[in-house]
Amino acid sequence: MFEVKIILGENSYPLKISSKIVSDAQDYFNKLDADMNKGWKMSKSWVDNPNQVQRCQIVADRLFTSVHLGKKETAILMAAYILNQMPDVKTIDIDTTGNMEDTIFLKE
């Protein structure tokens, strides 16, 4: 079981994600990676080949949208992707001002 804290501005949300989801969703994660392999607009700039941190920032932006829209299953999948890429992350501090490059991942 993974436990991660999601910070959205002044709000904080604990999220528990089973290890099974992180391992079983690999096909979905591959699809996300395939989409990002084509390049991605990160805030105002285009990134041809996002690196691992940038990919997690992109997915964290989708996580923010999922939480905002109340789509818990999608939020869990987005967090699971991040944990699959960065298993030591304990806190995801998502930028809510529209600059996804300012999203940070903390290991404590």
N, C-alpha and C. Protein backbone atom coordinates (compact mmCIF):
# COMPACT_ATOMS: atom_id res chain seq x y z
N MET A 1 0.85 -1.18 0.00
CA MET A 1 0.00 0.00 0.00
C MET A 1 0.89 1.24 0.00
N PHE A 2 0.60 2.15 -0.91
CA PHE A 2 1.28 3.43 -0.96
C PHE A 2 0.38 4.48 -0.34
N GLU A 3 0.96 5.39 0.39
CA GLU A 3 0.23 6.53 0.91
C GLU A 3 0.95 7.77 0.42
N VAL A 4 0.20 8.67 -0.19
CA VAL A 4 0.78 9.89 -0.73
C VAL A 4 -0.14 11.05 -0.35
N LYS A 5 0.47 12.19 -0.08
CA LYS A 5 -0.30 13.39 0.23
C LYS A 5 -0.29 14.27 -1.01
N ILE A 6 -1.48 14.70 -1.41
CA ILE A 6 -1.64 15.59 -2.55
C ILE A 6 -1.91 16.98 -1.99
N ILE A 7 -1.09 17.95 -2.39
CA ILE A 7 -1.29 19.33 -1.96
C ILE A 7 -1.76 20.14 -3.16
N LEU A 8 -2.92 20.77 -2.98
CA LEU A 8 -3.49 21.64 -4.01
C LEU A 8 -3.73 23.01 -3.36
N GLY A 9 -2.79 23.91 -3.54
CA GLY A 9 -2.91 25.23 -2.91
C GLY A 9 -2.90 25.10 -1.40
N GLU A 10 -3.98 25.56 -0.76
CA GLU A 10 -4.11 25.51 0.70
C GLU A 10 -4.67 24.18 1.19
N ASN A 11 -5.11 23.33 0.28
CA ASN A 11 -5.74 22.06 0.66
C ASN A 11 -4.78 20.89 0.50
N SER A 12 -4.98 19.91 1.37
CA SER A 12 -4.15 18.71 1.35
C SER A 12 -5.07 17.50 1.41
N TYR A 13 -4.77 16.49 0.61
CA TYR A 13 -5.59 15.28 0.54
C TYR A 13 -4.71 14.05 0.68
N PRO A 14 -5.00 13.19 1.66
CA PRO A 14 -4.27 11.92 1.72
C PRO A 14 -4.87 10.96 0.70
N LEU A 15 -4.03 10.19 0.07
CA LEU A 15 -4.50 9.24 -0.93
C LEU A 15 -3.79 7.92 -0.70
N LYS A 16 -4.57 6.85 -0.57
CA LYS A 16 -4.01 5.51 -0.42
C LYS A 16 -4.18 4.78 -1.73
N ILE A 17 -3.10 4.17 -2.18
CA ILE A 17 -3.11 3.47 -3.46
C ILE A 17 -2.51 2.09 -3.25
N SER A 18 -3.25 1.07 -3.64
CA SER A 18 -2.75 -0.29 -3.44
C SER A 18 -1.59 -0.57 -4.40
N SER A 19 -0.65 -1.34 -3.92
CA SER A 19 0.49 -1.74 -4.75
C SER A 19 0.02 -2.48 -5.99
N LYS A 20 -1.10 -3.19 -5.88
CA LYS A 20 -1.67 -3.93 -7.00
C LYS A 20 -2.04 -2.99 -8.15
N ILE A 21 -2.63 -1.84 -7.84
CA ILE A 21 -2.99 -0.88 -8.89
C ILE A 21 -1.73 -0.39 -9.59
N VAL A 22 -0.70 -0.07 -8.81
CA VAL A 22 0.54 0.45 -9.39
C VAL A 22 1.15 -0.58 -10.34
N SER A 23 1.09 -1.87 -9.98
CA SER A 23 1.68 -2.90 -10.85
C SER A 23 0.73 -3.32 -11.98
N ASP A 24 -0.57 -3.37 -11.72
CA ASP A 24 -1.52 -3.86 -12.73
C ASP A 24 -1.88 -2.85 -13.81
N ALA A 25 -1.61 -1.58 -13.57
CA ALA A 25 -2.01 -0.55 -14.53
C ALA A 25 -0.91 -0.23 -15.55
N GLN A 26 0.05 -1.13 -15.70
CA GLN A 26 1.19 -0.86 -16.58
C GLN A 26 0.76 -0.57 -18.02
N ASP A 27 -0.26 -1.25 -18.53
CA ASP A 27 -0.73 -0.98 -19.89
C ASP A 27 -1.22 0.47 -20.01
N TYR A 28 -1.94 0.93 -19.00
CA TYR A 28 -2.43 2.31 -18.99
C TYR A 28 -1.25 3.28 -18.92
N PHE A 29 -0.26 2.97 -18.08
CA PHE A 29 0.91 3.83 -17.97
C PHE A 29 1.66 3.89 -19.29
N ASN A 30 1.74 2.76 -19.99
CA ASN A 30 2.40 2.73 -21.31
C ASN A 30 1.68 3.63 -22.30
N LYS A 31 0.34 3.66 -22.22
CA LYS A 31 -0.44 4.54 -23.09
C LYS A 31 -0.15 6.00 -22.77
N LEU A 32 -0.09 6.34 -21.49
CA LEU A 32 0.27 7.71 -21.11
C LEU A 32 1.65 8.07 -21.67
N ASP A 33 2.61 7.17 -21.51
CA ASP A 33 3.95 7.42 -22.02
C ASP A 33 3.96 7.58 -23.53
N ALA A 34 3.20 6.76 -24.22
CA ALA A 34 3.14 6.85 -25.69
C ALA A 34 2.60 8.23 -26.10
N ASP A 35 1.58 8.72 -25.40
CA ASP A 35 1.05 10.06 -25.68
C ASP A 35 2.12 11.12 -25.45
N MET A 36 2.85 11.01 -24.34
CA MET A 36 3.86 12.02 -24.01
C MET A 36 5.09 11.92 -24.90
N ASN A 37 5.34 10.72 -25.48
CA ASN A 37 6.47 10.55 -26.40
C ASN A 37 6.34 11.44 -27.63
N LYS A 38 5.13 11.89 -27.94
CA LYS A 38 4.89 12.75 -29.10
C LYS A 38 5.22 14.21 -28.79
N GLY A 39 5.60 14.48 -27.54
CA GLY A 39 5.83 15.85 -27.11
C GLY A 39 4.61 16.35 -26.36
N TRP A 40 4.80 17.43 -25.60
CA TRP A 40 3.70 17.93 -24.75
C TRP A 40 3.87 19.41 -24.51
N LYS A 41 2.76 20.12 -24.51
CA LYS A 41 2.79 21.53 -24.15
C LYS A 41 2.70 21.62 -22.63
N MET A 42 3.78 22.09 -22.04
CA MET A 42 3.84 22.25 -20.58
C MET A 42 3.70 23.74 -20.29
N SER A 43 2.53 24.12 -19.83
CA SER A 43 2.20 25.52 -19.59
C SER A 43 2.36 26.28 -20.89
N LYS A 44 3.41 27.12 -21.02
CA LYS A 44 3.55 27.94 -22.22
C LYS A 44 4.57 27.42 -23.22
N SER A 45 5.32 26.38 -22.84
CA SER A 45 6.36 25.91 -23.75
C SER A 45 6.12 24.46 -24.19
N TRP A 46 6.60 24.16 -25.39
CA TRP A 46 6.50 22.82 -25.96
C TRP A 46 7.74 22.04 -25.58
N VAL A 47 7.54 20.81 -25.10
CA VAL A 47 8.66 19.94 -24.75
C VAL A 47 8.59 18.73 -25.69
N ASP A 48 9.62 18.57 -26.54
CA ASP A 48 9.63 17.49 -27.53
C ASP A 48 9.67 16.10 -26.89
N ASN A 49 10.50 15.94 -25.86
CA ASN A 49 10.67 14.64 -25.24
C ASN A 49 10.73 14.83 -23.71
N PRO A 50 9.57 14.85 -23.05
CA PRO A 50 9.57 15.09 -21.60
C PRO A 50 10.39 14.04 -20.86
N ASN A 51 11.19 14.50 -19.88
CA ASN A 51 11.95 13.59 -19.04
C ASN A 51 11.04 13.03 -17.93
N GLN A 52 11.60 12.23 -17.05
CA GLN A 52 10.79 11.56 -16.03
C GLN A 52 10.05 12.57 -15.14
N VAL A 53 10.74 13.58 -14.67
CA VAL A 53 10.10 14.58 -13.80
C VAL A 53 9.02 15.32 -14.57
N GLN A 54 9.31 15.73 -15.79
CA GLN A 54 8.31 16.43 -16.60
C GLN A 54 7.08 15.56 -16.86
N ARG A 55 7.28 14.28 -17.12
CA ARG A 55 6.15 13.37 -17.32
C ARG A 55 5.29 13.32 -16.07
N CYS A 56 5.94 13.26 -14.91
CA CYS A 56 5.18 13.23 -13.66
C CYS A 56 4.47 14.56 -13.41
N GLN A 57 5.08 15.67 -13.83
CA GLN A 57 4.42 16.97 -13.71
C GLN A 57 3.18 17.03 -14.62
N ILE A 58 3.29 16.50 -15.81
CA ILE A 58 2.16 16.45 -16.74
C ILE A 58 1.03 15.62 -16.13
N VAL A 59 1.38 14.46 -15.61
CA VAL A 59 0.37 13.57 -15.01
C VAL A 59 -0.20 14.20 -13.74
N ALA A 60 0.63 14.92 -12.98
CA ALA A 60 0.13 15.61 -11.78
C ALA A 60 -0.90 16.67 -12.16
N ASP A 61 -0.71 17.31 -13.32
CA ASP A 61 -1.70 18.28 -13.79
C ASP A 61 -3.03 17.58 -14.07
N ARG A 62 -2.98 16.39 -14.64
CA ARG A 62 -4.20 15.59 -14.85
C ARG A 62 -4.79 15.14 -13.52
N LEU A 63 -3.92 14.84 -12.56
CA LEU A 63 -4.37 14.48 -11.21
C LEU A 63 -5.15 15.63 -10.59
N PHE A 64 -4.63 16.84 -10.73
CA PHE A 64 -5.31 18.04 -10.23
C PHE A 64 -6.71 18.16 -10.84
N THR A 65 -6.79 18.01 -12.15
CA THR A 65 -8.08 18.09 -12.84
C THR A 65 -9.04 17.00 -12.34
N SER A 66 -8.53 15.80 -12.14
CA SER A 66 -9.36 14.69 -11.67
C SER A 66 -9.91 14.96 -10.27
N VAL A 67 -9.06 15.48 -9.39
CA VAL A 67 -9.53 15.81 -8.03
C VAL A 67 -10.57 16.92 -8.11
N HIS A 68 -10.29 17.94 -8.90
CA HIS A 68 -11.20 19.07 -9.05
C HIS A 68 -12.57 18.63 -9.57
N LEU A 69 -12.58 17.66 -10.47
CA LEU A 69 -13.85 17.19 -11.06
C LEU A 69 -14.48 16.04 -10.27
N GLY A 70 -13.83 15.61 -9.18
CA GLY A 70 -14.37 14.53 -8.36
C GLY A 70 -14.24 13.15 -9.00
N LYS A 71 -13.28 12.98 -9.90
CA LYS A 71 -13.07 11.69 -10.57
C LYS A 71 -12.01 10.90 -9.80
N LYS A 72 -12.45 10.24 -8.73
CA LYS A 72 -11.51 9.58 -7.83
C LYS A 72 -10.72 8.47 -8.50
N GLU A 73 -11.36 7.65 -9.34
CA GLU A 73 -10.66 6.55 -9.99
C GLU A 73 -9.54 7.07 -10.89
N THR A 74 -9.82 8.13 -11.63
CA THR A 74 -8.80 8.71 -12.50
C THR A 74 -7.69 9.31 -11.66
N ALA A 75 -8.05 9.98 -10.58
CA ALA A 75 -7.04 10.55 -9.68
C ALA A 75 -6.12 9.46 -9.14
N ILE A 76 -6.69 8.34 -8.76
CA ILE A 76 -5.88 7.24 -8.24
C ILE A 76 -4.94 6.71 -9.32
N LEU A 77 -5.42 6.57 -10.54
CA LEU A 77 -4.56 6.11 -11.64
C LEU A 77 -3.42 7.09 -11.92
N MET A 78 -3.72 8.39 -11.87
CA MET A 78 -2.68 9.39 -12.11
C MET A 78 -1.63 9.34 -11.00
N ALA A 79 -2.08 9.24 -9.77
CA ALA A 79 -1.14 9.13 -8.65
C ALA A 79 -0.34 7.83 -8.74
N ALA A 80 -0.99 6.76 -9.18
CA ALA A 80 -0.31 5.47 -9.33
C ALA A 80 0.79 5.57 -10.38
N TYR A 81 0.55 6.30 -11.46
CA TYR A 81 1.58 6.49 -12.49
C TYR A 81 2.80 7.17 -11.87
N ILE A 82 2.55 8.23 -11.11
CA ILE A 82 3.65 8.96 -10.48
C ILE A 82 4.43 8.04 -9.54
N LEU A 83 3.71 7.25 -8.75
CA LEU A 83 4.37 6.33 -7.83
C LEU A 83 5.11 5.21 -8.57
N ASN A 84 4.60 4.84 -9.74
CA ASN A 84 5.30 3.85 -10.55
C ASN A 84 6.63 4.41 -11.05
N GLN A 85 6.64 5.69 -11.39
CA GLN A 85 7.85 6.34 -11.88
C GLN A 85 8.80 6.77 -10.76
N MET A 86 8.20 7.18 -9.63
CA MET A 86 8.97 7.71 -8.50
C MET A 86 8.45 7.07 -7.21
N PRO A 87 8.81 5.82 -6.95
CA PRO A 87 8.22 5.09 -5.82
C PRO A 87 8.51 5.67 -4.44
N ASP A 88 9.50 6.54 -4.32
CA ASP A 88 9.83 7.12 -3.01
C ASP A 88 9.04 8.38 -2.69
N VAL A 89 8.22 8.86 -3.62
CA VAL A 89 7.49 10.11 -3.40
C VAL A 89 6.43 9.92 -2.31
N LYS A 90 6.40 10.86 -1.39
CA LYS A 90 5.42 10.85 -0.30
C LYS A 90 4.43 12.00 -0.41
N THR A 91 4.85 13.09 -1.09
CA THR A 91 4.00 14.27 -1.24
C THR A 91 4.11 14.78 -2.67
N ILE A 92 2.95 15.08 -3.25
CA ILE A 92 2.88 15.70 -4.57
C ILE A 92 2.27 17.08 -4.37
N ASP A 93 3.09 18.12 -4.51
CA ASP A 93 2.64 19.49 -4.34
C ASP A 93 2.38 20.06 -5.73
N ILE A 94 1.10 20.06 -6.10
CA ILE A 94 0.70 20.40 -7.47
C ILE A 94 0.48 21.90 -7.60
N ASP A 95 1.15 22.52 -8.57
CA ASP A 95 0.94 23.93 -8.83
C ASP A 95 -0.48 24.13 -9.35
N THR A 96 -1.19 25.09 -8.79
CA THR A 96 -2.58 25.34 -9.18
C THR A 96 -2.72 26.67 -9.92
N THR A 97 -1.57 27.29 -10.28
CA THR A 97 -1.63 28.59 -10.95
C THR A 97 -1.48 28.48 -12.46
N GLY A 98 -1.38 27.25 -12.97
CA GLY A 98 -1.26 27.07 -14.41
C GLY A 98 0.17 26.87 -14.90
N ASN A 99 1.12 26.74 -13.97
CA ASN A 99 2.51 26.52 -14.37
C ASN A 99 2.95 25.14 -13.88
N MET A 100 2.66 24.12 -14.65
CA MET A 100 2.90 22.74 -14.20
C MET A 100 4.35 22.45 -13.89
N GLU A 101 5.28 23.25 -14.45
CA GLU A 101 6.70 23.05 -14.14
C GLU A 101 7.03 23.35 -12.68
N ASP A 102 6.12 24.03 -11.97
CA ASP A 102 6.33 24.34 -10.55
C ASP A 102 5.79 23.24 -9.62
N THR A 103 5.20 22.19 -10.18
CA THR A 103 4.78 21.06 -9.37
C THR A 103 6.03 20.35 -8.86
N ILE A 104 6.01 20.02 -7.55
CA ILE A 104 7.18 19.36 -6.97
C ILE A 104 6.79 18.04 -6.30
N PHE A 105 7.77 17.16 -6.22
CA PHE A 105 7.59 15.83 -5.64
C PHE A 105 8.56 15.69 -4.48
N LEU A 106 8.01 15.41 -3.29
CA LEU A 106 8.83 15.31 -2.08
C LEU A 106 8.90 13.87 -1.62
N LYS A 107 10.06 13.47 -1.15
CA LYS A 107 10.25 12.09 -0.69
C LYS A 107 10.09 11.95 0.81
N GLU A 108 9.65 13.00 1.49
CA GLU A 108 9.47 12.93 2.94
C GLU A 108 8.04 13.21 3.32
